[in-house]
N, C-alpha and C. Protein backbone atom coordinates (compact mmCIF):
# COMPACT_ATOMS: atom_id res chain seq x y z
N MET A 1 -7.41 -8.06 -16.03
CA MET A 1 -7.50 -7.74 -14.61
C MET A 1 -8.55 -6.65 -14.43
N GLY A 2 -9.39 -6.78 -13.43
CA GLY A 2 -10.48 -5.84 -13.18
C GLY A 2 -9.99 -4.54 -12.56
N VAL A 3 -10.93 -3.63 -12.37
CA VAL A 3 -10.61 -2.34 -11.77
C VAL A 3 -10.04 -2.53 -10.37
N ALA A 4 -10.65 -3.42 -9.60
CA ALA A 4 -10.14 -3.69 -8.25
C ALA A 4 -9.14 -4.85 -8.38
N SER A 5 -7.89 -4.56 -8.14
CA SER A 5 -6.87 -5.61 -8.27
C SER A 5 -6.16 -5.79 -6.94
N TRP A 6 -5.62 -6.95 -6.76
CA TRP A 6 -4.94 -7.30 -5.51
C TRP A 6 -3.45 -7.24 -5.76
N LEU A 7 -2.74 -6.53 -4.93
CA LEU A 7 -1.29 -6.44 -5.04
C LEU A 7 -0.70 -7.17 -3.85
N MET A 8 -0.03 -8.27 -4.13
CA MET A 8 0.60 -9.05 -3.07
C MET A 8 2.08 -8.69 -3.07
N ASP A 9 2.51 -8.03 -2.04
CA ASP A 9 3.92 -7.65 -1.95
C ASP A 9 4.44 -7.99 -0.57
N GLN A 10 5.66 -7.62 -0.31
CA GLN A 10 6.29 -7.95 0.97
C GLN A 10 5.54 -7.34 2.14
N THR A 11 4.98 -6.15 1.96
CA THR A 11 4.24 -5.51 3.03
C THR A 11 3.00 -6.32 3.39
N THR A 12 2.30 -6.82 2.38
CA THR A 12 1.11 -7.63 2.62
C THR A 12 1.48 -8.92 3.33
N VAL A 13 2.56 -9.54 2.89
CA VAL A 13 3.03 -10.77 3.53
C VAL A 13 3.35 -10.51 5.00
N GLU A 14 3.97 -9.38 5.29
CA GLU A 14 4.30 -9.02 6.66
C GLU A 14 3.04 -8.83 7.50
N LEU A 15 2.00 -8.23 6.93
CA LEU A 15 0.75 -8.05 7.66
C LEU A 15 0.13 -9.39 8.03
N PHE A 16 0.14 -10.34 7.10
CA PHE A 16 -0.40 -11.67 7.39
C PHE A 16 0.43 -12.37 8.47
N ARG A 17 1.75 -12.20 8.43
CA ARG A 17 2.61 -12.81 9.44
C ARG A 17 2.29 -12.25 10.81
N ARG A 18 2.14 -10.94 10.89
CA ARG A 18 1.82 -10.31 12.18
C ARG A 18 0.45 -10.76 12.69
N ALA A 19 -0.51 -10.91 11.79
CA ALA A 19 -1.83 -11.40 12.19
C ALA A 19 -1.70 -12.80 12.77
N GLY A 20 -0.87 -13.62 12.15
CA GLY A 20 -0.62 -14.97 12.66
C GLY A 20 -0.02 -14.95 14.05
N ASP A 21 0.88 -14.00 14.30
CA ASP A 21 1.48 -13.85 15.63
C ASP A 21 0.41 -13.54 16.68
N TYR A 22 -0.54 -12.66 16.33
CA TYR A 22 -1.63 -12.32 17.26
C TYR A 22 -2.49 -13.55 17.54
N VAL A 23 -2.83 -14.30 16.50
CA VAL A 23 -3.65 -15.50 16.68
C VAL A 23 -2.92 -16.50 17.57
N ASP A 24 -1.62 -16.67 17.34
CA ASP A 24 -0.82 -17.59 18.15
C ASP A 24 -0.87 -17.21 19.63
N LYS A 25 -0.70 -15.92 19.91
CA LYS A 25 -0.72 -15.46 21.31
C LYS A 25 -2.08 -15.72 21.96
N ILE A 26 -3.16 -15.47 21.20
CA ILE A 26 -4.51 -15.68 21.74
C ILE A 26 -4.76 -17.16 21.98
N LEU A 27 -4.34 -18.01 21.03
CA LEU A 27 -4.53 -19.45 21.20
C LEU A 27 -3.71 -20.01 22.37
N ARG A 28 -2.64 -19.32 22.72
CA ARG A 28 -1.81 -19.75 23.85
C ARG A 28 -2.32 -19.18 25.18
N GLY A 29 -3.46 -18.45 25.12
CA GLY A 29 -4.08 -18.01 26.35
C GLY A 29 -4.04 -16.52 26.64
N ALA A 30 -3.37 -15.75 25.81
CA ALA A 30 -3.32 -14.30 26.05
C ALA A 30 -4.70 -13.69 25.80
N LYS A 31 -5.05 -12.73 26.63
CA LYS A 31 -6.30 -12.01 26.41
C LYS A 31 -6.06 -10.96 25.32
N PRO A 32 -6.95 -10.89 24.33
CA PRO A 32 -6.75 -9.93 23.24
C PRO A 32 -6.53 -8.50 23.72
N GLY A 33 -7.22 -8.09 24.77
CA GLY A 33 -7.07 -6.74 25.29
C GLY A 33 -5.73 -6.47 25.94
N ASP A 34 -5.01 -7.53 26.28
CA ASP A 34 -3.70 -7.38 26.91
C ASP A 34 -2.55 -7.35 25.91
N ILE A 35 -2.83 -7.68 24.66
CA ILE A 35 -1.78 -7.69 23.63
C ILE A 35 -1.59 -6.27 23.13
N PRO A 36 -0.36 -5.75 23.18
CA PRO A 36 -0.14 -4.38 22.73
C PRO A 36 -0.37 -4.22 21.23
N VAL A 37 -0.90 -3.08 20.85
CA VAL A 37 -1.12 -2.78 19.44
C VAL A 37 0.19 -2.29 18.85
N GLU A 38 0.58 -2.88 17.74
CA GLU A 38 1.83 -2.48 17.08
C GLU A 38 1.51 -1.42 16.04
N GLN A 39 2.29 -0.36 16.04
CA GLN A 39 2.14 0.69 15.06
C GLN A 39 3.00 0.37 13.84
N PRO A 40 2.50 0.67 12.65
CA PRO A 40 3.31 0.42 11.45
C PRO A 40 4.58 1.28 11.48
N THR A 41 5.65 0.72 10.95
CA THR A 41 6.92 1.46 10.92
C THR A 41 7.29 1.87 9.51
N LYS A 42 6.58 1.34 8.52
CA LYS A 42 6.90 1.65 7.13
C LYS A 42 5.60 1.83 6.36
N PHE A 43 5.55 2.85 5.54
CA PHE A 43 4.40 3.11 4.69
C PHE A 43 4.89 3.24 3.25
N ASP A 44 4.21 2.58 2.33
CA ASP A 44 4.53 2.68 0.91
C ASP A 44 3.35 3.31 0.20
N LEU A 45 3.65 4.21 -0.73
CA LEU A 45 2.61 4.80 -1.56
C LEU A 45 2.67 4.11 -2.91
N VAL A 46 1.65 3.32 -3.21
CA VAL A 46 1.55 2.60 -4.48
C VAL A 46 0.33 3.14 -5.21
N ILE A 47 0.54 3.59 -6.44
CA ILE A 47 -0.55 4.16 -7.23
C ILE A 47 -0.81 3.26 -8.43
N ASN A 48 -2.04 2.81 -8.57
CA ASN A 48 -2.44 1.99 -9.70
C ASN A 48 -2.98 2.94 -10.77
N LEU A 49 -2.14 3.24 -11.77
CA LEU A 49 -2.52 4.18 -12.82
C LEU A 49 -3.61 3.61 -13.72
N THR A 50 -3.63 2.30 -13.91
CA THR A 50 -4.66 1.66 -14.72
C THR A 50 -6.04 1.88 -14.09
N THR A 51 -6.12 1.67 -12.79
CA THR A 51 -7.39 1.86 -12.09
C THR A 51 -7.77 3.34 -12.07
N ALA A 52 -6.79 4.20 -11.83
CA ALA A 52 -7.08 5.64 -11.81
C ALA A 52 -7.67 6.08 -13.14
N LYS A 53 -7.08 5.61 -14.23
CA LYS A 53 -7.59 5.97 -15.56
C LYS A 53 -8.99 5.40 -15.78
N ALA A 54 -9.22 4.16 -15.33
CA ALA A 54 -10.52 3.50 -15.52
C ALA A 54 -11.65 4.24 -14.81
N ILE A 55 -11.35 4.89 -13.68
CA ILE A 55 -12.40 5.61 -12.95
C ILE A 55 -12.35 7.12 -13.21
N GLY A 56 -11.50 7.53 -14.17
CA GLY A 56 -11.45 8.94 -14.56
C GLY A 56 -10.74 9.84 -13.58
N LEU A 57 -9.79 9.29 -12.84
CA LEU A 57 -9.07 10.06 -11.82
C LEU A 57 -7.72 10.53 -12.38
N THR A 58 -7.44 11.80 -12.25
CA THR A 58 -6.15 12.34 -12.68
C THR A 58 -5.28 12.53 -11.45
N ILE A 59 -4.11 11.92 -11.47
CA ILE A 59 -3.17 12.01 -10.35
C ILE A 59 -2.16 13.11 -10.66
N PRO A 60 -2.00 14.10 -9.79
CA PRO A 60 -1.03 15.18 -10.02
C PRO A 60 0.40 14.64 -10.11
N GLU A 61 1.19 15.26 -10.98
CA GLU A 61 2.58 14.84 -11.18
C GLU A 61 3.38 14.85 -9.89
N SER A 62 3.16 15.84 -9.04
CA SER A 62 3.90 15.92 -7.78
C SER A 62 3.60 14.71 -6.88
N PHE A 63 2.39 14.21 -6.96
CA PHE A 63 1.99 13.03 -6.19
C PHE A 63 2.63 11.78 -6.77
N LEU A 64 2.67 11.69 -8.10
CA LEU A 64 3.29 10.55 -8.77
C LEU A 64 4.77 10.44 -8.43
N GLN A 65 5.43 11.58 -8.31
CA GLN A 65 6.87 11.59 -8.00
C GLN A 65 7.16 11.08 -6.59
N ARG A 66 6.20 11.18 -5.71
CA ARG A 66 6.39 10.73 -4.32
C ARG A 66 6.10 9.24 -4.14
N ALA A 67 5.49 8.63 -5.14
CA ALA A 67 5.08 7.22 -5.02
C ALA A 67 6.30 6.30 -4.96
N ASN A 68 6.19 5.26 -4.13
CA ASN A 68 7.21 4.24 -4.08
C ASN A 68 7.10 3.31 -5.28
N GLU A 69 5.87 3.15 -5.79
CA GLU A 69 5.65 2.26 -6.91
C GLU A 69 4.45 2.74 -7.73
N LEU A 70 4.57 2.65 -9.05
CA LEU A 70 3.47 2.96 -9.95
C LEU A 70 3.10 1.69 -10.71
N ILE A 71 1.82 1.36 -10.72
CA ILE A 71 1.34 0.19 -11.44
C ILE A 71 0.70 0.70 -12.72
N GLU A 72 1.21 0.22 -13.86
CA GLU A 72 0.67 0.67 -15.15
C GLU A 72 -0.01 -0.46 -15.86
């Protein structure tokens, strides 16, 4: 796997679903400017330690402890 890797998780799936909802509304005649912007309700901190090491980045321990997921 290269330095830039793709992580497909439930959050990503949800983003694609929401994008589909916007496209559906537009195709049904809604004006894009009239569709309300939805704010995210959940944020996940995912740290890819393999990539960090590959680019010479040191992640502080306090930051690692706050992560929802660590990729090794």
